[in-house]
Protein backbone atom coordinates (compact mmCIF):
# COMPACT_ATOMS: atom_id res chain seq x y z
CA MET A 1 -7.22 30.93 27.69
CA LYS A 2 -10.18 29.61 25.63
CA GLU A 3 -13.37 28.85 27.69
CA TYR A 4 -15.14 25.77 26.45
CA VAL A 5 -19.04 25.42 26.34
CA ILE A 6 -20.53 22.06 25.47
CA THR A 7 -23.87 21.72 23.65
CA VAL A 8 -25.53 18.26 23.70
CA LYS A 9 -27.26 17.21 20.50
CA GLU A 10 -29.10 14.03 19.61
CA THR A 11 -28.35 12.03 16.53
CA ASN A 12 -30.39 9.74 14.36
CA ASN A 13 -28.96 6.77 16.49
CA PRO A 14 -30.35 6.77 19.99
CA SER A 15 -27.29 5.19 21.27
CA ILE A 16 -25.11 7.89 19.97
CA LEU A 17 -25.07 11.54 21.57
CA LYS A 18 -23.03 14.28 20.10
CA PHE A 19 -21.32 16.85 22.27
CA GLU A 20 -20.42 20.11 20.34
CA ALA A 21 -17.81 22.49 21.63
CA ASN A 22 -17.67 26.20 20.78
CA HIS A 23 -14.01 25.81 19.83
CA PRO A 24 -12.11 23.34 17.56
CA LEU A 25 -11.03 20.20 19.34
CA VAL A 26 -8.65 18.82 16.65
CA GLU A 27 -7.00 20.37 13.61
CA ALA A 28 -7.33 17.62 11.15
CA GLY A 29 -8.60 14.18 10.74
CA HIS A 30 -11.44 12.05 12.13
CA TYR A 31 -10.82 9.71 15.07
CA GLU A 32 -12.71 6.71 16.22
CA TYR A 33 -11.88 4.58 19.37
CA ARG A 34 -13.58 1.44 20.37
CA ASN A 35 -11.68 0.81 23.57
CA ILE A 36 -9.09 2.31 25.83
CA ASP A 37 -6.16 0.56 24.11
CA GLU A 38 -7.04 2.08 20.62
CA ALA A 39 -7.04 5.54 22.32
CA LYS A 40 -3.34 5.67 23.21
CA ASN A 41 -3.05 8.98 21.20
CA ALA A 42 -6.22 10.36 22.70
CA PRO A 43 -6.03 11.39 26.42
CA LEU A 44 -9.53 12.63 26.49
CA ALA A 45 -10.93 9.34 25.03
CA GLN A 46 -9.02 7.45 27.54
CA GLN A 47 -10.62 9.38 30.32
CA LEU A 48 -14.06 8.82 28.74
CA PHE A 49 -13.55 4.92 28.55
CA TYR A 50 -13.40 5.03 32.40
CA LEU A 51 -17.06 5.65 32.22
CA PRO A 52 -18.49 1.97 32.16
CA PHE A 53 -21.26 2.81 29.74
CA ILE A 54 -19.00 4.16 26.86
CA LYS A 55 -18.81 1.90 23.99
CA THR A 56 -17.24 4.06 21.27
CA VAL A 57 -15.68 7.56 21.04
CA TYR A 58 -15.59 9.63 17.84
CA ILE A 59 -13.65 12.99 17.81
CA SER A 60 -13.78 15.25 14.73
CA GLY A 61 -13.60 18.97 14.17
CA ASN A 62 -15.46 20.74 17.11
CA PHE A 63 -17.46 17.74 18.44
CA ILE A 64 -17.13 14.53 20.34
CA ALA A 65 -19.69 11.82 19.71
CA MET A 66 -20.13 8.81 22.01
CA GLU A 67 -21.92 5.52 21.65
CA ARG A 68 -23.28 4.02 24.82
CA PHE A 69 -23.89 0.39 25.93
CA ASP A 70 -27.53 -0.42 26.83
CA ILE A 71 -26.88 -0.44 30.62
CA VAL A 72 -27.89 3.16 30.80
CA GLN A 73 -29.98 5.78 28.93
CA TRP A 74 -28.36 9.03 27.72
CA GLU A 75 -31.07 11.04 29.47
CA ASP A 76 -29.61 9.89 32.87
CA VAL A 77 -25.95 10.60 32.20
CA LYS A 78 -25.61 13.26 29.41
CA ASP A 79 -25.33 16.21 31.81
CA GLU A 80 -22.76 14.48 33.81
CA VAL A 81 -20.71 13.62 30.73
CA ALA A 82 -21.04 17.19 29.35
CA GLN A 83 -19.85 18.65 32.69
CA GLN A 84 -16.85 16.30 32.65
CA LEU A 85 -15.94 17.39 29.16
CA VAL A 86 -16.15 21.09 30.14
CA GLU A 87 -13.91 20.54 33.18
CA TYR A 88 -11.34 18.56 31.14
CA LEU A 89 -11.20 20.99 28.29
CA ASN A 90 -11.13 24.18 30.44
CA ALA A 91 -8.23 22.61 32.37
CA GLY A 92 -6.21 22.71 29.18
CA GLU A 93 -5.85 18.96 28.98
CA PRO A 94 -4.98 17.66 25.39
CA VAL A 95 -7.71 16.04 23.35
CA VAL A 96 -5.74 14.08 20.71
CA THR A 97 -1.97 13.97 20.11
CA GLU A 98 -1.96 14.68 16.40
CA GLU A 99 0.93 14.24 13.98
CA PRO A 100 2.10 17.30 12.41
CA LYS A 101 0.57 17.79 8.95
CA LYS A 102 2.96 17.02 6.09
CA ASP A 103 3.29 19.57 3.30
CA LYS A 104 1.84 18.18 -0.03
CA VAL A 105 4.45 17.53 -2.70
CA ALA A 106 3.83 17.97 -6.40
CA VAL A 107 3.28 14.41 -7.80
CA THR A 108 1.79 13.33 -11.17
CA VAL A 109 0.63 9.63 -11.71
CA TYR A 110 -0.54 8.42 -15.00
CA ALA A 111 -2.02 4.95 -15.79
CA GLU A 112 -0.58 2.89 -18.63
CA VAL A 113 -2.01 -0.36 -20.12
CA THR A 114 0.30 -3.40 -20.43
CA PRO A 115 0.30 -6.47 -22.59
CA ASN A 116 -1.40 -8.33 -19.64
CA PRO A 117 -5.04 -7.36 -19.55
CA ALA A 118 -5.19 -8.08 -15.78
CA VAL A 119 -2.46 -5.67 -15.00
CA MET A 120 -2.36 -1.75 -15.05
CA LYS A 121 0.78 0.21 -14.62
CA PHE A 122 0.78 3.48 -12.60
CA VAL A 123 3.78 5.62 -13.31
CA ALA A 124 4.90 8.44 -11.05
CA ASN A 125 7.14 11.39 -11.88
CA LYS A 126 9.42 10.59 -8.96
CA LYS A 127 11.36 7.54 -7.76
CA LEU A 128 9.21 5.39 -5.41
CA VAL A 129 11.36 2.44 -4.46
CA PRO A 130 15.08 1.53 -4.75
CA ASP A 131 14.64 -1.99 -6.03
CA VAL A 132 12.02 -4.46 -7.04
CA PHE A 133 9.36 -5.47 -4.78
CA GLU A 134 6.47 -7.95 -5.26
CA PHE A 135 3.54 -8.62 -3.04
CA LYS A 136 1.05 -11.46 -3.70
CA ASN A 137 -1.25 -10.61 -0.78
CA ILE A 138 -1.70 -8.28 2.13
CA ASP A 139 0.26 -10.52 4.45
CA GLU A 140 3.46 -10.15 2.40
CA ALA A 141 2.97 -6.33 2.31
CA ALA A 142 3.55 -5.98 6.08
CA THR A 143 6.44 -3.63 5.45
CA SER A 144 4.84 -1.61 2.65
CA PRO A 145 2.22 0.73 3.81
CA LEU A 146 1.14 1.80 0.41
CA ALA A 147 0.84 -1.78 -0.73
CA ARG A 148 -1.29 -2.63 2.26
CA LYS A 149 -3.59 0.21 1.40
CA LEU A 150 -3.81 -1.00 -2.19
CA PHE A 151 -4.86 -4.53 -1.00
CA GLU A 152 -7.81 -2.84 0.77
CA PHE A 153 -9.50 -2.38 -2.58
CA PRO A 154 -11.41 -5.52 -3.20
CA PHE A 155 -10.35 -5.92 -6.76
CA VAL A 156 -6.58 -5.77 -6.19
CA LYS A 157 -4.95 -9.21 -6.41
CA GLU A 158 -1.21 -8.39 -6.56
CA VAL A 159 1.09 -5.50 -6.28
CA PHE A 160 4.48 -4.99 -8.04
CA MET A 161 6.84 -2.05 -7.57
CA ASP A 162 9.96 -1.04 -9.47
CA LEU A 163 11.77 2.33 -9.49
CA ASN A 164 8.98 4.93 -10.38
CA TYR A 165 6.06 2.72 -11.06
CA ILE A 166 3.55 0.31 -9.47
CA SER A 167 1.98 -2.58 -11.45
CA VAL A 168 -1.52 -3.71 -10.05
CA THR A 169 -2.94 -6.92 -10.95
CA LYS A 170 -6.76 -7.15 -10.60
CA TYR A 171 -9.22 -9.93 -10.11
CA GLU A 172 -11.46 -10.68 -13.12
CA VAL A 173 -14.61 -9.41 -11.50
CA ALA A 174 -13.40 -5.75 -11.92
CA ASP A 175 -13.18 -3.75 -15.12
CA TRP A 176 -10.11 -1.41 -15.63
CA ASN A 177 -12.58 1.11 -17.31
CA GLU A 178 -14.48 1.44 -14.05
CA VAL A 179 -11.58 1.35 -11.49
CA THR A 180 -8.47 2.84 -13.11
CA MET A 181 -9.20 6.47 -12.26
CA GLU A 182 -10.12 5.74 -8.72
CA LEU A 183 -6.80 3.79 -8.20
CA ARG A 184 -4.71 6.35 -10.07
CA GLU A 185 -6.14 9.17 -7.88
CA PHE A 186 -5.59 7.20 -4.63
CA ILE A 187 -1.89 6.68 -5.43
CA ARG A 188 -1.42 10.24 -6.45
CA GLU A 189 -3.04 11.60 -3.26
CA TYR A 190 -1.14 9.03 -1.14
CA LEU A 191 2.23 10.23 -2.62
CA ALA A 192 1.40 13.82 -2.46
CA GLN A 193 0.59 13.52 1.24
CA GLY A 194 4.07 12.18 1.73
CA GLY A 195 2.87 8.62 2.46
CA GLU A 196 5.51 5.90 2.96
CA VAL A 197 5.76 3.59 -0.07
CA ILE A 198 8.03 0.95 1.57
CA SER A 199 9.93 0.54 4.78
CA ALA A 200 13.66 0.51 4.67
CA ASP A 201 13.90 -3.01 6.06
CA THR A 202 11.53 -4.55 3.40
CA PRO A 203 13.40 -7.46 1.65
CA ARG A 204 13.59 -7.40 -2.02
CA SER A 205 11.30 -9.66 -3.97
CA SER A 206 11.94 -13.31 -3.88
CA GLY A 207 13.11 -13.46 -7.49
CA ALA A 208 15.54 -10.49 -6.88
CA GLN A 209 16.90 -12.11 -3.94
CA GLN A 210 17.76 -15.30 -5.82
CA THR A 211 19.35 -13.49 -8.67
CA GLY A 212 21.80 -11.37 -6.69
CA SER A 213 23.39 -8.23 -8.04
CA ALA A 214 22.94 -7.45 -11.75
CA THR A 215 26.62 -6.34 -11.79
CA GLY A 216 27.84 -9.76 -10.88
CA ASP A 217 27.23 -12.60 -8.50
CA GLN A 218 30.33 -14.64 -7.37
CA ASN A 219 28.26 -17.70 -6.93
CA LEU A 220 27.27 -17.92 -10.51
CA ASP A 221 29.31 -19.83 -13.13
CA GLU A 222 30.55 -17.95 -16.23
CA THR A 223 27.75 -19.02 -18.48
CA SER A 224 24.99 -18.07 -15.91
CA GLN A 225 26.62 -14.60 -15.39
CA GLU A 226 26.75 -13.97 -19.13
CA ILE A 227 22.97 -14.74 -19.28
CA VAL A 228 22.39 -12.38 -16.37
CA ASN A 229 24.27 -9.72 -18.21
CA ILE A 230 22.28 -10.09 -21.28
CA LEU A 231 18.92 -10.07 -19.38
CA GLU A 232 19.97 -6.93 -17.61
CA GLU A 233 21.16 -5.02 -20.59
CA TYR A 234 18.76 -5.95 -23.33
CA VAL A 235 15.65 -7.59 -21.75
CA LYS A 236 14.86 -5.90 -18.46
CA PRO A 237 14.39 -2.44 -19.85
CA ALA A 238 11.70 -3.66 -22.45
CA VAL A 239 9.83 -5.69 -19.94
CA ALA A 240 9.96 -2.90 -17.33
CA SER A 241 8.28 -0.54 -19.93
CA ASP A 242 5.48 -3.01 -19.94
CA GLY A 243 5.22 -3.00 -16.07
CA GLY A 244 6.99 -6.25 -15.51
CA ASN A 245 10.31 -7.76 -14.64
CA ILE A 246 12.39 -10.78 -15.47
CA VAL A 247 14.78 -12.52 -13.23
CA PHE A 248 17.42 -15.19 -13.91
CA GLN A 249 16.83 -18.34 -11.69
CA SER A 250 19.10 -21.04 -13.07
CA TYR A 251 21.00 -22.54 -15.97
CA GLU A 252 21.29 -26.22 -16.54
CA ALA A 253 24.37 -27.05 -18.53
CA GLU A 254 23.45 -30.58 -19.55
CA SER A 255 20.06 -29.55 -21.02
CA LYS A 256 21.19 -26.06 -21.85
CA THR A 257 17.96 -24.73 -20.37
CA VAL A 258 17.60 -21.28 -18.90
CA HIS A 259 15.01 -20.84 -16.04
CA VAL A 260 13.66 -17.35 -15.47
CA ILE A 261 11.13 -15.86 -13.17
CA LEU A 262 8.29 -13.44 -14.53
CA GLN A 263 7.00 -10.77 -12.30
CA GLY A 264 4.60 -7.88 -12.36
CA ALA A 265 2.72 -7.59 -15.61
CA CYS A 266 4.78 -10.44 -17.12
CA SER A 267 3.49 -12.91 -14.54
CA GLY A 268 0.62 -14.77 -16.12
CA CYS A 269 0.59 -12.69 -19.16
CA PRO A 270 -1.07 -14.40 -22.21
CA SER A 271 1.63 -13.06 -24.46
CA SER A 272 4.58 -14.06 -22.18
CA THR A 273 5.03 -17.47 -23.90
CA PHE A 274 5.29 -15.86 -27.23
CA THR A 275 7.69 -13.28 -25.86
CA LEU A 276 9.90 -15.89 -24.47
CA LYS A 277 10.16 -18.16 -27.48
CA ASN A 278 10.26 -15.48 -30.12
CA GLY A 279 12.22 -12.95 -28.17
CA ILE A 280 14.32 -13.82 -25.14
CA GLN A 281 15.12 -17.35 -26.22
CA THR A 282 16.04 -16.33 -29.77
CA MET A 283 18.16 -13.48 -28.33
CA LEU A 284 20.05 -15.72 -26.08
CA GLN A 285 20.62 -18.34 -28.75
CA ASN A 286 21.94 -15.72 -31.20
CA MET A 287 24.33 -14.16 -28.60
CA MET A 288 25.52 -17.24 -26.85
CA GLY A 289 25.45 -19.91 -29.71
CA ASP A 290 24.88 -23.53 -28.75
CA LYS A 291 25.03 -22.80 -25.02
CA VAL A 292 21.28 -22.23 -24.88
CA GLU A 293 18.50 -24.54 -26.29
CA GLU A 294 15.50 -23.53 -24.34
CA VAL A 295 14.10 -20.75 -21.98
CA VAL A 296 11.60 -21.85 -19.37
CA ALA A 297 9.59 -19.32 -17.33
CA ILE A 298 8.05 -19.52 -13.94
CA ASN A 299 5.38 -16.97 -12.98
CA GLY A 300 6.60 -15.08 -9.81
């Protein structure tokens, strides 16, 4: 059995003291605990929080660093803490219950510009999601670990996912020339580490839920279903290549108006009106005759 020896070392912060061990304490990762509740996976940190003067516990590699409250000075208690650590470690007690390391997988991700200057498309060489998912903010991304991480970047405004790509909408304050590489590398590394993209119980995006199955929705009338089929076969592949999605919302027989929802790079795109009027609307009029007069789009 290993015999642990603890060496006490001062830091630049007088409130923080470092206790170095002669053997590694954790295999990977850096851990920070600010209270006993956060230390559920760290039995040693839990024990340390029973000391009334411990404010924060840091564990990394072969050392434990502790920040104290001002009620004591380290000079008065450091020997006692070091002795407690030696006894705990030499008793073979666990430090941190670490999750097994996941093997990296070979993943490539490339960035692709879209017609929407606010949106960049990040394409992976593997399937990422089984369906269309759109997140307008971090609260909507509660069931998507990757989307939540992306929203931690201050310039990320919205996240859209479909099959093997992620479209990210940025705020105007950021320049894609400055942030694209950082974002691409983050996504690639996250996927290579085996990070979860989306939870199994994540609902499809609101637009997809309204539409129903592309193969047929029994609640749609014959004309509406014909429109859905045309959008699925002729339009969606094209807009998906631009990092977006189009979803049928409704058809008004009296006005012969088709309402669709634009998602991802299509949402808010300066060229979307032109695309609708000169592309989708013309296609539906040519294929459906006088059943369609106008196509109206709503940004998702």
